[in-house]
N, C-alpha and C. Protein backbone atom coordinates (compact mmCIF):
# COMPACT_ATOMS: atom_id res chain seq x y z
N MET A 1 31.81 14.70 -36.49
CA MET A 1 32.11 15.44 -35.29
C MET A 1 33.61 15.67 -35.23
N GLU A 2 34.01 16.91 -35.34
CA GLU A 2 35.42 17.23 -35.31
C GLU A 2 35.82 17.60 -33.90
N THR A 3 36.87 16.97 -33.42
CA THR A 3 37.34 17.21 -32.07
C THR A 3 38.67 17.93 -32.13
N LYS A 4 38.81 18.97 -31.35
CA LYS A 4 40.07 19.72 -31.31
C LYS A 4 40.66 19.60 -29.92
N PHE A 5 41.89 19.18 -29.84
CA PHE A 5 42.63 19.15 -28.60
C PHE A 5 43.85 20.02 -28.77
N ALA A 6 44.26 20.66 -27.71
CA ALA A 6 45.47 21.47 -27.76
C ALA A 6 46.65 20.56 -28.08
N PRO A 7 47.58 21.04 -28.90
CA PRO A 7 48.74 20.21 -29.22
C PRO A 7 49.51 19.86 -27.93
N THR A 8 49.84 18.62 -27.81
CA THR A 8 50.59 18.15 -26.66
C THR A 8 51.72 17.26 -27.14
N ARG A 9 52.55 16.92 -26.20
CA ARG A 9 53.67 16.02 -26.51
C ARG A 9 53.11 14.67 -26.93
N LYS A 10 53.68 14.12 -27.94
CA LYS A 10 53.25 12.80 -28.42
C LYS A 10 54.24 11.77 -27.93
N ARG A 11 53.76 10.57 -27.74
CA ARG A 11 54.66 9.49 -27.36
C ARG A 11 54.23 8.22 -28.07
N PRO A 12 55.17 7.38 -28.36
CA PRO A 12 54.83 6.13 -29.04
C PRO A 12 54.12 5.17 -28.07
N VAL A 13 53.17 4.44 -28.62
CA VAL A 13 52.48 3.41 -27.85
C VAL A 13 52.40 2.16 -28.72
N ASN A 14 52.24 1.04 -28.09
CA ASN A 14 52.08 -0.21 -28.82
C ASN A 14 50.60 -0.54 -28.95
N LEU A 15 50.17 -0.78 -30.16
CA LEU A 15 48.80 -1.20 -30.42
C LEU A 15 48.83 -2.49 -31.22
N THR A 16 47.87 -3.32 -30.98
CA THR A 16 47.71 -4.52 -31.78
C THR A 16 46.44 -4.34 -32.59
N ILE A 17 46.61 -4.21 -33.90
CA ILE A 17 45.48 -3.95 -34.79
C ILE A 17 45.51 -4.98 -35.91
N ASP A 18 44.35 -5.42 -36.29
CA ASP A 18 44.21 -6.40 -37.36
C ASP A 18 44.96 -5.92 -38.61
N GLU A 19 45.84 -6.76 -39.12
CA GLU A 19 46.69 -6.39 -40.26
C GLU A 19 45.88 -6.05 -41.50
N THR A 20 44.84 -6.80 -41.77
CA THR A 20 44.00 -6.53 -42.94
C THR A 20 43.32 -5.17 -42.80
N LEU A 21 42.86 -4.88 -41.61
CA LEU A 21 42.21 -3.59 -41.36
C LEU A 21 43.19 -2.44 -41.57
N VAL A 22 44.42 -2.60 -41.12
CA VAL A 22 45.44 -1.57 -41.32
C VAL A 22 45.69 -1.36 -42.81
N MET A 23 45.81 -2.43 -43.56
CA MET A 23 46.04 -2.30 -45.01
C MET A 23 44.87 -1.60 -45.68
N GLN A 24 43.65 -1.92 -45.28
CA GLN A 24 42.48 -1.26 -45.85
C GLN A 24 42.45 0.21 -45.47
N ALA A 25 42.79 0.53 -44.24
CA ALA A 25 42.77 1.93 -43.78
C ALA A 25 43.81 2.76 -44.52
N ARG A 26 44.94 2.18 -44.82
CA ARG A 26 46.00 2.91 -45.52
C ARG A 26 45.55 3.36 -46.92
N ALA A 27 44.52 2.72 -47.46
CA ALA A 27 43.98 3.14 -48.75
C ALA A 27 43.23 4.48 -48.62
N TYR A 28 42.85 4.83 -47.39
CA TYR A 28 42.07 6.03 -47.16
C TYR A 28 42.83 7.14 -46.45
N THR A 29 43.97 6.82 -45.87
CA THR A 29 44.73 7.82 -45.14
C THR A 29 46.23 7.59 -45.32
N SER A 30 46.94 8.68 -45.44
CA SER A 30 48.40 8.58 -45.52
C SER A 30 49.03 8.70 -44.14
N ASN A 31 48.23 9.07 -43.13
CA ASN A 31 48.75 9.24 -41.78
C ASN A 31 47.86 8.45 -40.82
N LEU A 32 48.18 7.18 -40.68
CA LEU A 32 47.37 6.29 -39.85
C LEU A 32 47.38 6.73 -38.39
N SER A 33 48.51 7.22 -37.90
CA SER A 33 48.59 7.68 -36.51
C SER A 33 47.63 8.83 -36.26
N ALA A 34 47.61 9.81 -37.15
CA ALA A 34 46.72 10.96 -36.99
C ALA A 34 45.25 10.53 -37.07
N THR A 35 44.96 9.60 -37.96
CA THR A 35 43.59 9.11 -38.10
C THR A 35 43.14 8.40 -36.83
N ILE A 36 43.99 7.53 -36.32
CA ILE A 36 43.65 6.81 -35.09
C ILE A 36 43.52 7.78 -33.92
N GLU A 37 44.42 8.76 -33.85
CA GLU A 37 44.35 9.75 -32.78
C GLU A 37 43.04 10.54 -32.85
N SER A 38 42.63 10.93 -34.04
CA SER A 38 41.39 11.67 -34.22
C SER A 38 40.18 10.81 -33.80
N LEU A 39 40.17 9.57 -34.22
CA LEU A 39 39.06 8.68 -33.86
C LEU A 39 39.04 8.41 -32.36
N LEU A 40 40.21 8.26 -31.76
CA LEU A 40 40.28 8.04 -30.32
C LEU A 40 39.81 9.28 -29.55
N ALA A 41 40.17 10.45 -30.04
CA ALA A 41 39.72 11.69 -29.41
C ALA A 41 38.19 11.79 -29.47
N GLU A 42 37.59 11.45 -30.60
CA GLU A 42 36.13 11.47 -30.72
C GLU A 42 35.50 10.47 -29.76
N PHE A 43 36.12 9.30 -29.62
CA PHE A 43 35.63 8.28 -28.71
C PHE A 43 35.64 8.79 -27.27
N VAL A 44 36.74 9.44 -26.87
CA VAL A 44 36.86 9.96 -25.51
C VAL A 44 35.80 11.04 -25.26
N VAL A 45 35.63 11.94 -26.21
CA VAL A 45 34.63 13.01 -26.06
C VAL A 45 33.23 12.40 -25.93
N ALA A 46 32.92 11.39 -26.74
CA ALA A 46 31.61 10.75 -26.67
C ALA A 46 31.39 10.07 -25.32
N LYS A 47 32.41 9.41 -24.81
CA LYS A 47 32.29 8.74 -23.51
C LYS A 47 32.14 9.75 -22.39
N GLN A 48 32.89 10.85 -22.46
CA GLN A 48 32.77 11.89 -21.45
C GLN A 48 31.37 12.51 -21.48
N SER A 49 30.84 12.73 -22.67
CA SER A 49 29.50 13.28 -22.82
C SER A 49 28.46 12.32 -22.25
N ALA A 50 28.61 11.03 -22.54
CA ALA A 50 27.67 10.03 -22.02
C ALA A 50 27.73 9.99 -20.49
N LEU A 51 28.93 10.11 -19.94
CA LEU A 51 29.07 10.11 -18.49
C LEU A 51 28.41 11.34 -17.88
N ARG A 52 28.59 12.51 -18.51
CA ARG A 52 27.93 13.73 -18.03
C ARG A 52 26.41 13.58 -18.11
N ASP A 53 25.90 13.01 -19.21
CA ASP A 53 24.45 12.80 -19.35
C ASP A 53 23.92 11.87 -18.26
N ARG A 54 24.66 10.81 -17.99
CA ARG A 54 24.25 9.86 -16.94
C ARG A 54 24.24 10.56 -15.59
N GLN A 55 25.25 11.38 -15.32
CA GLN A 55 25.30 12.09 -14.05
C GLN A 55 24.15 13.08 -13.93
N ARG A 56 23.85 13.79 -15.05
CA ARG A 56 22.71 14.71 -15.03
C ARG A 56 21.42 13.97 -14.73
N GLY A 57 21.25 12.79 -15.32
CA GLY A 57 20.06 11.98 -15.06
C GLY A 57 19.98 11.56 -13.60
N ALA A 58 21.09 11.16 -13.03
CA ALA A 58 21.12 10.77 -11.62
C ALA A 58 20.84 11.97 -10.73
N ASP A 59 21.41 13.13 -11.08
CA ASP A 59 21.15 14.35 -10.31
C ASP A 59 19.68 14.73 -10.35
N THR A 60 19.06 14.62 -11.53
CA THR A 60 17.64 14.93 -11.68
C THR A 60 16.80 13.97 -10.85
N CYS A 61 17.14 12.69 -10.90
CA CYS A 61 16.41 11.69 -10.13
C CYS A 61 16.52 11.99 -8.64
N ALA A 62 17.71 12.30 -8.17
CA ALA A 62 17.91 12.61 -6.75
C ALA A 62 17.14 13.87 -6.35
N ALA A 63 17.17 14.88 -7.21
CA ALA A 63 16.44 16.12 -6.92
C ALA A 63 14.94 15.85 -6.86
N ASP A 64 14.43 15.04 -7.79
CA ASP A 64 13.00 14.70 -7.77
C ASP A 64 12.63 13.94 -6.51
N TRP A 65 13.47 12.97 -6.14
CA TRP A 65 13.19 12.19 -4.93
C TRP A 65 13.25 13.08 -3.70
N ASN A 66 14.22 13.98 -3.65
CA ASN A 66 14.32 14.90 -2.52
C ASN A 66 13.10 15.80 -2.44
N ALA A 67 12.57 16.21 -3.59
CA ALA A 67 11.35 17.05 -3.60
C ALA A 67 10.16 16.26 -3.07
N VAL A 68 10.04 15.01 -3.47
CA VAL A 68 8.95 14.16 -2.95
C VAL A 68 9.11 14.01 -1.45
N HIS A 69 10.31 13.73 -1.00
CA HIS A 69 10.56 13.54 0.43
C HIS A 69 10.24 14.81 1.21
N ALA A 70 10.62 15.97 0.67
CA ALA A 70 10.34 17.24 1.34
C ALA A 70 8.84 17.52 1.39
N SER A 71 8.13 17.06 0.36
CA SER A 71 6.70 17.33 0.27
C SER A 71 5.86 16.41 1.15
N ILE A 72 6.15 15.11 1.10
CA ILE A 72 5.29 14.15 1.81
C ILE A 72 6.03 13.33 2.85
N GLY A 73 7.32 13.50 2.95
CA GLY A 73 8.08 12.74 3.93
C GLY A 73 8.43 11.36 3.42
N SER A 74 8.91 10.57 4.32
CA SER A 74 9.35 9.22 3.98
C SER A 74 8.34 8.19 4.49
N PHE A 75 8.16 7.13 3.75
CA PHE A 75 7.30 6.03 4.17
C PHE A 75 7.77 5.50 5.52
N ALA A 76 9.06 5.46 5.73
CA ALA A 76 9.61 4.91 6.96
C ALA A 76 9.32 5.79 8.17
N ASP A 77 8.99 7.05 7.96
CA ASP A 77 8.69 7.95 9.07
C ASP A 77 7.52 7.43 9.92
N GLU A 78 6.59 6.75 9.28
CA GLU A 78 5.42 6.23 9.98
C GLU A 78 5.72 4.97 10.78
N HIS A 79 6.90 4.42 10.61
CA HIS A 79 7.23 3.13 11.23
C HIS A 79 8.47 3.25 12.10
N SER A 80 8.60 4.34 12.80
CA SER A 80 9.76 4.55 13.66
C SER A 80 9.71 3.58 14.84
N THR A 81 10.83 3.03 15.20
CA THR A 81 10.90 2.12 16.35
C THR A 81 11.29 2.85 17.61
N LEU A 82 11.44 4.15 17.54
CA LEU A 82 11.84 4.91 18.73
C LEU A 82 10.67 5.29 19.58
């Protein structure tokens, strides 16, 4: 999954990453910062997508419940204390 973000200003950040993992990663990439940025961008997109999916599910559930309520009313309607 390739993620494209508009070029923006970059700033240094401090990360604590396992030294052995960094050495192993350097065997596969000459630009560790770009690789980490790409992986982080994919992570953010995946989390945003999961959040949208969860919201869609909640919206569908609410719409279904509202349809049931509109059709047959609420159980509590029969037990009004007024």
